PDB file of N, CA and C in Angstrom:
ATOM      1  N   MET A   1     -54.879 -25.075 -33.079  1.00  0.00           N
ATOM      2  CA  MET A   1     -53.686 -25.306 -33.858  1.00  0.00           C
ATOM      3  C   MET A   1     -53.930 -26.479 -34.796  1.00  0.00           C
ATOM      4  N   ARG A   2     -53.509 -26.326 -36.040  1.00  0.00           N
ATOM      5  CA  ARG A   2     -53.627 -27.401 -37.013  1.00  0.00           C
ATOM      6  C   ARG A   2     -52.305 -28.164 -37.084  1.00  0.00           C
ATOM      7  N   PHE A   3     -52.404 -29.473 -37.215  1.00  0.00           N
ATOM      8  CA  PHE A   3     -51.206 -30.283 -37.372  1.00  0.00           C
ATOM      9  C   PHE A   3     -51.039 -30.604 -38.851  1.00  0.00           C
ATOM     10  N   PRO A   4     -49.882 -30.325 -39.421  1.00  0.00           N
ATOM     11  CA  PRO A   4     -49.688 -30.561 -40.850  1.00  0.00           C
ATOM     12  C   PRO A   4     -49.521 -32.041 -41.163  1.00  0.00           C
ATOM     13  N   ASN A   5     -49.949 -32.398 -42.369  1.00  0.00           N
ATOM     14  CA  ASN A   5     -49.740 -33.771 -42.821  1.00  0.00           C
ATOM     15  C   ASN A   5     -48.311 -33.905 -43.365  1.00  0.00           C
ATOM     16  N   LYS A   6     -47.943 -35.104 -43.749  1.00  0.00           N
ATOM     17  CA  LYS A   6     -46.585 -35.389 -44.213  1.00  0.00           C
ATOM     18  C   LYS A   6     -46.193 -34.517 -45.405  1.00  0.00           C
ATOM     19  N   GLU A   7     -47.117 -34.335 -46.330  1.00  0.00           N
ATOM     20  CA  GLU A   7     -46.823 -33.533 -47.516  1.00  0.00           C
ATOM     21  C   GLU A   7     -46.561 -32.075 -47.150  1.00  0.00           C
ATOM     22  N   MET A   8     -47.333 -31.535 -46.200  1.00  0.00           N
ATOM     23  CA  MET A   8     -47.135 -30.153 -45.778  1.00  0.00           C
ATOM     24  C   MET A   8     -45.795 -29.998 -45.066  1.00  0.00           C
ATOM     25  N   LEU A   9     -45.432 -30.972 -44.233  1.00  0.00           N
ATOM     26  CA  LEU A   9     -44.121 -30.921 -43.570  1.00  0.00           C
ATOM     27  C   LEU A   9     -42.992 -30.909 -44.592  1.00  0.00           C
ATOM     28  N   GLU A  10     -43.101 -31.750 -45.613  1.00  0.00           N
ATOM     29  CA  GLU A  10     -42.081 -31.793 -46.659  1.00  0.00           C
ATOM     30  C   GLU A  10     -42.007 -30.455 -47.384  1.00  0.00           C
ATOM     31  N   PHE A  11     -43.172 -29.859 -47.665  1.00  0.00           N
ATOM     32  CA  PHE A  11     -43.216 -28.552 -48.326  1.00  0.00           C
ATOM     33  C   PHE A  11     -42.536 -27.493 -47.462  1.00  0.00           C
ATOM     34  N   LEU A  12     -42.899 -27.431 -46.172  1.00  0.00           N
ATOM     35  CA  LEU A  12     -42.314 -26.433 -45.281  1.00  0.00           C
ATOM     36  C   LEU A  12     -40.802 -26.592 -45.188  1.00  0.00           C
ATOM     37  N   ARG A  13     -40.331 -27.820 -45.132  1.00  0.00           N
ATOM     38  CA  ARG A  13     -38.891 -28.057 -45.028  1.00  0.00           C
ATOM     39  C   ARG A  13     -38.158 -27.678 -46.309  1.00  0.00           C
ATOM     40  N   ARG A  14     -38.824 -27.833 -47.453  1.00  0.00           N
ATOM     41  CA  ARG A  14     -38.227 -27.388 -48.724  1.00  0.00           C
ATOM     42  C   ARG A  14     -38.226 -25.866 -48.810  1.00  0.00           C
ATOM     43  N   GLU A  15     -39.323 -25.239 -48.395  1.00  0.00           N
ATOM     44  CA  GLU A  15     -39.479 -23.787 -48.488  1.00  0.00           C
ATOM     45  C   GLU A  15     -38.625 -23.032 -47.472  1.00  0.00           C
ATOM     46  N   TYR A  16     -38.384 -23.624 -46.314  1.00  0.00           N
ATOM     47  CA  TYR A  16     -37.673 -22.952 -45.223  1.00  0.00           C
ATOM     48  C   TYR A  16     -36.490 -23.788 -44.727  1.00  0.00           C
ATOM     49  N   PRO A  17     -35.518 -24.057 -45.619  1.00  0.00           N
ATOM     50  CA  PRO A  17     -34.337 -24.803 -45.153  1.00  0.00           C
ATOM     51  C   PRO A  17     -33.507 -23.944 -44.195  1.00  0.00           C
ATOM     52  N   SER A  18     -32.663 -24.585 -43.415  1.00  0.00           N
ATOM     53  CA  SER A  18     -31.775 -23.856 -42.512  1.00  0.00           C
ATOM     54  C   SER A  18     -31.013 -22.796 -43.292  1.00  0.00           C
ATOM     55  N   GLY A  19     -30.918 -21.612 -42.698  1.00  0.00           N
ATOM     56  CA  GLY A  19     -30.207 -20.509 -43.331  1.00  0.00           C
ATOM     57  C   GLY A  19     -31.107 -19.530 -44.054  1.00  0.00           C
ATOM     58  N   THR A  20     -32.375 -19.898 -44.278  1.00  0.00           N
ATOM     59  CA  THR A  20     -33.308 -19.000 -44.948  1.00  0.00           C
ATOM     60  C   THR A  20     -33.567 -17.780 -44.072  1.00  0.00           C
ATOM     61  N   ARG A  21     -33.493 -16.596 -44.665  1.00  0.00           N
ATOM     62  CA  ARG A  21     -33.775 -15.360 -43.946  1.00  0.00           C
ATOM     63  C   ARG A  21     -35.263 -15.048 -44.087  1.00  0.00           C
ATOM     64  N   VAL A  22     -35.888 -14.668 -42.963  1.00  0.00           N
ATOM     65  CA  VAL A  22     -37.313 -14.348 -42.937  1.00  0.00           C
ATOM     66  C   VAL A  22     -37.536 -13.039 -42.182  1.00  0.00           C
ATOM     67  N   ILE A  23     -38.728 -12.468 -42.392  1.00  0.00           N
ATOM     68  CA  ILE A  23     -39.151 -11.281 -41.661  1.00  0.00           C
ATOM     69  C   ILE A  23     -40.516 -11.589 -41.052  1.00  0.00           C
ATOM     70  N   LEU A  24     -40.722 -11.167 -39.822  1.00  0.00           N
ATOM     71  CA  LEU A  24     -41.967 -11.453 -39.108  1.00  0.00           C
ATOM     72  C   LEU A  24     -43.085 -10.540 -39.593  1.00  0.00           C
ATOM     73  N   VAL A  25     -44.198 -11.166 -40.017  1.00  0.00           N
ATOM     74  CA  VAL A  25     -45.380 -10.441 -40.482  1.00  0.00           C
ATOM     75  C   VAL A  25     -46.460 -10.443 -39.405  1.00  0.00           C
ATOM     76  N   ARG A  26     -46.676 -11.602 -38.773  1.00  0.00           N
ATOM     77  CA  ARG A  26     -47.685 -11.713 -37.711  1.00  0.00           C
ATOM     78  C   ARG A  26     -47.309 -12.856 -36.785  1.00  0.00           C
ATOM     79  N   MET A  27     -47.448 -12.607 -35.477  1.00  0.00           N
ATOM     80  CA  MET A  27     -47.219 -13.662 -34.498  1.00  0.00           C
ATOM     81  C   MET A  27     -48.186 -13.447 -33.347  1.00  0.00           C
ATOM     82  N   ASP A  28     -48.959 -14.474 -33.039  1.00  0.00           N
ATOM     83  CA  ASP A  28     -49.971 -14.399 -31.993  1.00  0.00           C
ATOM     84  C   ASP A  28     -49.379 -14.866 -30.668  1.00  0.00           C
ATOM     85  N   ASP A  29     -48.523 -14.019 -30.078  1.00  0.00           N
ATOM     86  CA  ASP A  29     -47.881 -14.356 -28.817  1.00  0.00           C
ATOM     87  C   ASP A  29     -47.454 -13.061 -28.137  1.00  0.00           C
ATOM     88  N   PRO A  30     -47.766 -12.902 -26.858  1.00  0.00           N
ATOM     89  CA  PRO A  30     -47.375 -11.663 -26.170  1.00  0.00           C
ATOM     90  C   PRO A  30     -45.858 -11.482 -26.073  1.00  0.00           C
ATOM     91  N   GLN A  31     -45.098 -12.556 -26.229  1.00  0.00           N
ATOM     92  CA  GLN A  31     -43.637 -12.482 -26.167  1.00  0.00           C
ATOM     93  C   GLN A  31     -43.004 -12.364 -27.553  1.00  0.00           C
ATOM     94  N   ALA A  32     -43.838 -12.158 -28.577  1.00  0.00           N
ATOM     95  CA  ALA A  32     -43.349 -12.118 -29.956  1.00  0.00           C
ATOM     96  C   ALA A  32     -42.360 -10.979 -30.164  1.00  0.00           C
ATOM     97  N   PRO A  33     -41.380 -11.206 -31.025  1.00  0.00           N
ATOM     98  CA  PRO A  33     -40.518 -10.103 -31.430  1.00  0.00           C
ATOM     99  C   PRO A  33     -41.376  -9.046 -32.142  1.00  0.00           C
ATOM    100  N   PRO A  34     -40.917  -7.816 -32.222  1.00  0.00           N
ATOM    101  CA  PRO A  34     -41.687  -6.792 -32.937  1.00  0.00           C
ATOM    102  C   PRO A  34     -41.905  -7.185 -34.402  1.00  0.00           C
ATOM    103  N   LEU A  35     -43.062  -6.827 -34.939  1.00  0.00           N
ATOM    104  CA  LEU A  35     -43.308  -7.064 -36.362  1.00  0.00           C
ATOM    105  C   LEU A  35     -42.194  -6.414 -37.164  1.00  0.00           C
ATOM    106  N   GLY A  36     -41.768  -7.091 -38.216  1.00  0.00           N
ATOM    107  CA  GLY A  36     -40.674  -6.586 -39.028  1.00  0.00           C
ATOM    108  C   GLY A  36     -39.310  -7.084 -38.591  1.00  0.00           C
ATOM    109  N   THR A  37     -39.257  -7.801 -37.466  1.00  0.00           N
ATOM    110  CA  THR A  37     -37.986  -8.369 -37.021  1.00  0.00           C
ATOM    111  C   THR A  37     -37.539  -9.435 -38.007  1.00  0.00           C
ATOM    112  N   LYS A  38     -36.254  -9.427 -38.342  1.00  0.00           N
ATOM    113  CA  LYS A  38     -35.694 -10.417 -39.263  1.00  0.00           C
ATOM    114  C   LYS A  38     -35.029 -11.533 -38.469  1.00  0.00           C
ATOM    115  N   GLY A  39     -34.935 -12.690 -39.098  1.00  0.00           N
ATOM    116  CA  GLY A  39     -34.309 -13.818 -38.445  1.00  0.00           C
ATOM    117  C   GLY A  39     -33.830 -14.848 -39.444  1.00  0.00           C
ATOM    118  N   THR A  40     -33.158 -15.870 -38.912  1.00  0.00           N
ATOM    119  CA  THR A  40     -32.607 -16.943 -39.731  1.00  0.00           C
ATOM    120  C   THR A  40     -33.218 -18.268 -39.295  1.00  0.00           C
ATOM    121  N   VAL A  41     -33.776 -18.999 -40.261  1.00  0.00           N
ATOM    122  CA  VAL A  41     -34.388 -20.302 -39.993  1.00  0.00           C
ATOM    123  C   VAL A  41     -33.296 -21.303 -39.632  1.00  0.00           C
ATOM    124  N   THR A  42     -33.570 -22.093 -38.576  1.00  0.00           N
ATOM    125  CA  THR A  42     -32.647 -23.161 -38.192  1.00  0.00           C
ATOM    126  C   THR A  42     -33.241 -24.535 -38.463  1.00  0.00           C
ATOM    127  N   GLY A  43     -34.525 -24.593 -38.860  1.00  0.00           N
ATOM    128  CA  GLY A  43     -35.152 -25.859 -39.183  1.00  0.00           C
ATOM    129  C   GLY A  43     -36.659 -25.786 -39.070  1.00  0.00           C
ATOM    130  N   VAL A  44     -37.305 -26.917 -39.328  1.00  0.00           N
ATOM    131  CA  VAL A  44     -38.753 -27.081 -39.182  1.00  0.00           C
ATOM    132  C   VAL A  44     -38.963 -28.343 -38.362  1.00  0.00           C
ATOM    133  N   ASP A  45     -39.722 -28.237 -37.253  1.00  0.00           N
ATOM    134  CA  ASP A  45     -39.920 -29.412 -36.405  1.00  0.00           C
ATOM    135  C   ASP A  45     -41.065 -30.282 -36.923  1.00  0.00           C
ATOM    136  N   ASP A  46     -41.326 -31.397 -36.242  1.00  0.00           N
ATOM    137  CA  ASP A  46     -42.335 -32.362 -36.692  1.00  0.00           C
ATOM    138  C   ASP A  46     -43.766 -31.849 -36.586  1.00  0.00           C
ATOM    139  N   MET A  47     -43.976 -30.732 -35.890  1.00  0.00           N
ATOM    140  CA  MET A  47     -45.312 -30.126 -35.813  1.00  0.00           C
ATOM    141  C   MET A  47     -45.483 -29.025 -36.849  1.00  0.00           C
ATOM    142  N   GLY A  48     -44.441 -28.796 -37.659  1.00  0.00           N
ATOM    143  CA  GLY A  48     -44.508 -27.780 -38.697  1.00  0.00           C
ATOM    144  C   GLY A  48     -44.112 -26.399 -38.220  1.00  0.00           C
ATOM    145  N   SER A  49     -43.611 -26.286 -36.990  1.00  0.00           N
ATOM    146  CA  SER A  49     -43.136 -24.992 -36.507  1.00  0.00           C
ATOM    147  C   SER A  49     -41.807 -24.665 -37.175  1.00  0.00           C
ATOM    148  N   ILE A  50     -41.695 -23.426 -37.646  1.00  0.00           N
ATOM    149  CA  ILE A  50     -40.446 -22.970 -38.242  1.00  0.00           C
ATOM    150  C   ILE A  50     -39.586 -22.432 -37.106  1.00  0.00           C
ATOM    151  N   LEU A  51     -38.417 -23.015 -36.931  1.00  0.00           N
ATOM    152  CA  LEU A  51     -37.499 -22.631 -35.860  1.00  0.00           C
ATOM    153  C   LEU A  51     -36.651 -21.475 -36.360  1.00  0.00           C
ATOM    154  N   VAL A  52     -36.687 -20.354 -35.630  1.00  0.00           N
ATOM    155  CA  VAL A  52     -36.013 -19.140 -36.089  1.00  0.00           C
ATOM    156  C   VAL A  52     -35.145 -18.564 -34.981  1.00  0.00           C
ATOM    157  N   ASP A  53     -33.926 -18.193 -35.343  1.00  0.00           N
ATOM    158  CA  ASP A  53     -33.068 -17.377 -34.484  1.00  0.00           C
ATOM    159  C   ASP A  53     -33.291 -15.936 -34.922  1.00  0.00           C
ATOM    160  N   TRP A  54     -34.073 -15.191 -34.144  1.00  0.00           N
ATOM    161  CA  TRP A  54     -34.390 -13.808 -34.494  1.00  0.00           C
ATOM    162  C   TRP A  54     -33.183 -12.919 -34.237  1.00  0.00           C
ATOM    163  N   ASP A  55     -33.036 -11.891 -35.058  1.00  0.00           N
ATOM    164  CA  ASP A  55     -31.891 -10.988 -34.952  1.00  0.00           C
ATOM    165  C   ASP A  55     -31.846 -10.244 -33.611  1.00  0.00           C
ATOM    166  N   ASN A  56     -32.980 -10.157 -32.926  1.00  0.00           N
ATOM    167  CA  ASN A  56     -33.008  -9.466 -31.629  1.00  0.00           C
ATOM    168  C   ASN A  56     -32.674 -10.407 -30.462  1.00  0.00           C
ATOM    169  N   GLY A  57     -32.299 -11.669 -30.767  1.00  0.00           N
ATOM    170  CA  GLY A  57     -31.915 -12.617 -29.735  1.00  0.00           C
ATOM    171  C   GLY A  57     -33.014 -13.591 -29.331  1.00  0.00           C
ATOM    172  N   SER A  58     -34.236 -13.367 -29.760  1.00  0.00           N
ATOM    173  CA  SER A  58     -35.350 -14.262 -29.446  1.00  0.00           C
ATOM    174  C   SER A  58     -35.215 -15.562 -30.244  1.00  0.00           C
ATOM    175  N   HIS A  59     -35.814 -16.622 -29.717  1.00  0.00           N
ATOM    176  CA  HIS A  59     -35.824 -17.914 -30.412  1.00  0.00           C
ATOM    177  C   HIS A  59     -37.238 -18.471 -30.494  1.00  0.00           C
ATOM    178  N   LEU A  60     -38.231 -17.595 -30.443  1.00  0.00           N
ATOM    179  CA  LEU A  60     -39.624 -18.028 -30.495  1.00  0.00           C
ATOM    180  C   LEU A  60     -39.942 -18.610 -31.868  1.00  0.00           C
ATOM    181  N   ASN A  61     -40.562 -19.797 -31.892  1.00  0.00           N
ATOM    182  CA  ASN A  61     -40.884 -20.476 -33.143  1.00  0.00           C
ATOM    183  C   ASN A  61     -42.079 -19.848 -33.833  1.00  0.00           C
ATOM    184  N   VAL A  62     -42.115 -19.995 -35.146  1.00  0.00           N
ATOM    185  CA  VAL A  62     -43.247 -19.567 -35.964  1.00  0.00           C
ATOM    186  C   VAL A  62     -44.189 -20.766 -36.051  1.00  0.00           C
ATOM    187  N   ILE A  63     -45.402 -20.628 -35.526  1.00  0.00           N
ATOM    188  CA  ILE A  63     -46.352 -21.740 -35.449  1.00  0.00           C
ATOM    189  C   ILE A  63     -47.122 -21.874 -36.755  1.00  0.00           C
ATOM    190  N   TYR A  64     -47.053 -23.071 -37.337  1.00  0.00           N
ATOM    191  CA  TYR A  64     -47.752 -23.357 -38.589  1.00  0.00           C
ATOM    192  C   TYR A  64     -49.245 -23.078 -38.454  1.00  0.00           C
ATOM    193  N   GLY A  65     -49.793 -22.314 -39.407  1.00  0.00           N
ATOM    194  CA  GLY A  65     -51.226 -22.042 -39.440  1.00  0.00           C
ATOM    195  C   GLY A  65     -51.672 -20.912 -38.527  1.00  0.00           C
ATOM    196  N   VAL A  66     -50.760 -20.336 -37.748  1.00  0.00           N
ATOM    197  CA  VAL A  66     -51.111 -19.254 -36.815  1.00  0.00           C
ATOM    198  C   VAL A  66     -50.299 -18.002 -37.118  1.00  0.00           C
ATOM    199  N   ASP A  67     -48.968 -18.159 -37.132  1.00  0.00           N
ATOM    200  CA  ASP A  67     -48.066 -17.034 -37.337  1.00  0.00           C
ATOM    201  C   ASP A  67     -47.671 -16.933 -38.805  1.00  0.00           C
ATOM    202  N   VAL A  68     -47.135 -15.759 -39.179  1.00  0.00           N
ATOM    203  CA  VAL A  68     -46.783 -15.535 -40.582  1.00  0.00           C
ATOM    204  C   VAL A  68     -45.401 -14.891 -40.670  1.00  0.00           C
ATOM    205  N   VAL A  69     -44.552 -15.483 -41.506  1.00  0.00           N
ATOM    206  CA  VAL A  69     -43.283 -14.871 -41.872  1.00  0.00           C
ATOM    207  C   VAL A  69     -43.214 -14.816 -43.388  1.00  0.00           C
ATOM    208  N   ARG A  70     -42.354 -13.939 -43.877  1.00  0.00           N
ATOM    209  CA  ARG A  70     -42.119 -13.834 -45.316  1.00  0.00           C
ATOM    210  C   ARG A  70     -40.635 -14.053 -45.558  1.00  0.00           C
ATOM    211  N   LYS A  71     -40.327 -14.838 -46.579  1.00  0.00           N
ATOM    212  CA  LYS A  71     -38.935 -15.061 -46.925  1.00  0.00           C
ATOM    213  C   LYS A  71     -38.364 -13.776 -47.516  1.00  0.00           C
ATOM    214  N   LEU A  72     -37.107 -13.492 -47.177  1.00  0.00           N
ATOM    215  CA  LEU A  72     -36.421 -12.330 -47.698  1.00  0.00           C
ATOM    216  C   LEU A  72     -35.612 -12.728 -48.921  1.00  0.00           C
ATOM    217  N   ASN A  73     -35.518 -11.812 -49.867  1.00  0.00           N
ATOM    218  CA  ASN A  73     -34.638 -12.021 -51.003  1.00  0.00           C
ATOM    219  C   ASN A  73     -33.198 -11.948 -50.520  1.00  0.00           C
ATOM    220  N   LYS A  74     -32.320 -12.596 -51.219  1.00  0.00           N
ATOM    221  CA  LYS A  74     -30.910 -12.583 -50.819  1.00  0.00           C
ATOM    222  C   LYS A  74     -30.328 -11.183 -50.828  1.00  0.00           C
ATOM    223  N   GLU A  75     -30.888 -10.273 -51.639  1.00  0.00           N
ATOM    224  CA  GLU A  75     -30.356  -8.919 -51.724  1.00  0.00           C
ATOM    225  C   GLU A  75     -30.701  -8.104 -50.477  1.00  0.00           C
ATOM    226  N   ILE A  76     -31.772  -8.477 -49.756  1.00  0.00           N
ATOM    227  CA  ILE A  76     -32.213  -7.719 -48.590  1.00  0.00           C
ATOM    228  C   ILE A  76     -31.390  -8.176 -47.388  1.00  0.00           C
ATOM    229  N   LYS A  77     -30.842  -7.237 -46.657  1.00  0.00           N
ATOM    230  CA  LYS A  77     -30.032  -7.578 -45.477  1.00  0.00           C
ATOM    231  C   LYS A  77     -30.825  -7.352 -44.223  1.00  0.00           C
TER     232      LYS A  77
END
């Protein structure tokens, strides 16, 4: 796992503010929600993990440098 520097943390927090809708592209965890699951960002922690409330009820974080999510356009529900 890579630890982000201060600039990367600031970037992640700007890119993924609370309320941002995302879709799961890749997650390296046996408990991961299914690929394509949508969720709402609740924040970014000090390790650069994106905190997500997944629509299926999961709360598994997106790990910086390992997992991948894509931001959804506002038009996509």
